[in-house]
Amino acid sequence: VDRVWVVDCDTVTQRERVIARSGLAAEEIDRIIAQQASRAQRLACADWVVFNQGLSLPALERQVTEMARHFGL
């Protein structure tokens, strides 16, 4: 890959979104998250980070559009 983009939020928000989207039990979500790269690892390798917590969809879209322009996309 040429660039790594990371969309980030805190762990509490991440869990809440997964529960709302999938209906999985909290224990299952914790097991899945534990198997993934840690938040610190993802952020360490990112060229660009969008902190997607409390953003409206239009605000998120603006950030992604800005990122795309920055990278010539």
C-alpha atoms as a PDB file:
ATOM      1  CA  VAL A   1       0.000   0.000   0.000  1.00  0.00           C
ATOM      2  CA  ASP A   2       1.063   3.558  -0.595  1.00  0.00           C
ATOM      3  CA  ARG A   3      -0.780   5.147   2.314  1.00  0.00           C
ATOM      4  CA  VAL A   4      -2.526   3.919   5.446  1.00  0.00           C
ATOM      5  CA  TRP A   5      -5.674   5.686   6.547  1.00  0.00           C
ATOM      6  CA  VAL A   6      -7.097   4.909   9.974  1.00  0.00           C
ATOM      7  CA  VAL A   7     -10.579   5.813  11.141  1.00  0.00           C
ATOM      8  CA  ASP A   8     -10.328   5.941  14.914  1.00  0.00           C
ATOM      9  CA  CYS A   9     -12.590   6.245  17.937  1.00  0.00           C
ATOM     10  CA  ASP A  10     -12.241   5.316  21.585  1.00  0.00           C
ATOM     11  CA  THR A  11     -12.806   1.716  22.661  1.00  0.00           C
ATOM     12  CA  VAL A  12     -16.115   2.427  24.412  1.00  0.00           C
ATOM     13  CA  THR A  13     -17.529   3.962  21.231  1.00  0.00           C
ATOM     14  CA  GLN A  14     -16.146   1.090  19.147  1.00  0.00           C
ATOM     15  CA  ARG A  15     -17.910  -1.478  21.354  1.00  0.00           C
ATOM     16  CA  GLU A  16     -21.183   0.490  21.372  1.00  0.00           C
ATOM     17  CA  ARG A  17     -21.196   0.695  17.575  1.00  0.00           C
ATOM     18  CA  VAL A  18     -20.557  -3.024  17.168  1.00  0.00           C
ATOM     19  CA  ILE A  19     -23.329  -3.886  19.638  1.00  0.00           C
ATOM     20  CA  ALA A  20     -25.782  -1.596  17.833  1.00  0.00           C
ATOM     21  CA  ARG A  21     -24.801  -2.938  14.406  1.00  0.00           C
ATOM     22  CA  SER A  22     -24.479  -6.651  15.154  1.00  0.00           C
ATOM     23  CA  GLY A  23     -26.218  -7.436  18.410  1.00  0.00           C
ATOM     24  CA  LEU A  24     -23.201  -9.460  19.562  1.00  0.00           C
ATOM     25  CA  ALA A  25     -22.639  -9.903  23.282  1.00  0.00           C
ATOM     26  CA  ALA A  26     -20.020  -7.664  24.905  1.00  0.00           C
ATOM     27  CA  GLU A  27     -17.816 -10.697  25.669  1.00  0.00           C
ATOM     28  CA  GLU A  28     -17.780 -11.724  22.004  1.00  0.00           C
ATOM     29  CA  ILE A  29     -16.921  -8.187  20.932  1.00  0.00           C
ATOM     30  CA  ASP A  30     -14.054  -8.062  23.431  1.00  0.00           C
ATOM     31  CA  ARG A  31     -12.744 -11.378  22.065  1.00  0.00           C
ATOM     32  CA  ILE A  32     -12.832 -10.064  18.493  1.00  0.00           C
ATOM     33  CA  ILE A  33     -11.164  -6.760  19.423  1.00  0.00           C
ATOM     34  CA  ALA A  34      -8.429  -8.623  21.318  1.00  0.00           C
ATOM     35  CA  GLN A  35      -7.515 -10.479  18.096  1.00  0.00           C
ATOM     36  CA  GLN A  36      -7.087  -7.274  16.097  1.00  0.00           C
ATOM     37  CA  ALA A  37      -4.176  -4.858  16.001  1.00  0.00           C
ATOM     38  CA  SER A  38      -4.335  -2.588  19.021  1.00  0.00           C
ATOM     39  CA  ARG A  39      -5.458   0.998  18.695  1.00  0.00           C
ATOM     40  CA  ALA A  40      -1.878   2.145  19.406  1.00  0.00           C
ATOM     41  CA  GLN A  41      -0.536  -0.150  16.674  1.00  0.00           C
ATOM     42  CA  ARG A  42      -3.052   1.135  14.130  1.00  0.00           C
ATOM     43  CA  LEU A  43      -2.302   4.758  14.970  1.00  0.00           C
ATOM     44  CA  ALA A  44       1.466   4.166  14.844  1.00  0.00           C
ATOM     45  CA  CYS A  45       1.343   2.977  11.225  1.00  0.00           C
ATOM     46  CA  ALA A  46      -1.179   5.546   9.989  1.00  0.00           C
ATOM     47  CA  ASP A  47      -0.293   8.221   7.481  1.00  0.00           C
ATOM     48  CA  TRP A  48      -3.581   9.971   8.217  1.00  0.00           C
ATOM     49  CA  VAL A  49      -6.129   9.553  11.013  1.00  0.00           C
ATOM     50  CA  VAL A  50      -9.779  10.556  11.142  1.00  0.00           C
ATOM     51  CA  PHE A  51     -11.036  10.646  14.721  1.00  0.00           C
ATOM     52  CA  ASN A  52     -14.620   9.566  14.086  1.00  0.00           C
ATOM     53  CA  GLN A  53     -16.228  10.227  17.395  1.00  0.00           C
ATOM     54  CA  GLY A  54     -19.113  12.636  17.576  1.00  0.00           C
ATOM     55  CA  LEU A  55     -18.846  13.459  13.874  1.00  0.00           C
ATOM     56  CA  SER A  56     -21.935  13.733  11.757  1.00  0.00           C
ATOM     57  CA  LEU A  57     -21.901  11.823   8.485  1.00  0.00           C
ATOM     58  CA  PRO A  58     -21.467  15.075   6.494  1.00  0.00           C
ATOM     59  CA  ALA A  59     -18.494  16.064   8.696  1.00  0.00           C
ATOM     60  CA  LEU A  60     -16.936  12.629   8.189  1.00  0.00           C
ATOM     61  CA  GLU A  61     -17.484  12.899   4.442  1.00  0.00           C
ATOM     62  CA  ARG A  62     -15.737  16.303   4.419  1.00  0.00           C
ATOM     63  CA  GLN A  63     -12.720  14.864   6.221  1.00  0.00           C
ATOM     64  CA  VAL A  64     -12.476  11.921   3.826  1.00  0.00           C
ATOM     65  CA  THR A  65     -12.776  14.265   0.841  1.00  0.00           C
ATOM     66  CA  GLU A  66     -10.009  16.460   2.284  1.00  0.00           C
ATOM     67  CA  MET A  67      -7.801  13.400   2.821  1.00  0.00           C
ATOM     68  CA  ALA A  68      -8.405  12.199  -0.723  1.00  0.00           C
ATOM     69  CA  ARG A  69      -7.449  15.617  -2.133  1.00  0.00           C
ATOM     70  CA  HIS A  70      -4.321  15.693   0.024  1.00  0.00           C
ATOM     71  CA  PHE A  71      -3.205  12.368  -1.470  1.00  0.00           C
ATOM     72  CA  GLY A  72      -4.172  13.291  -5.030  1.00  0.00           C
ATOM     73  CA  LEU A  73      -7.245  11.078  -5.221  1.00  0.00           C
END
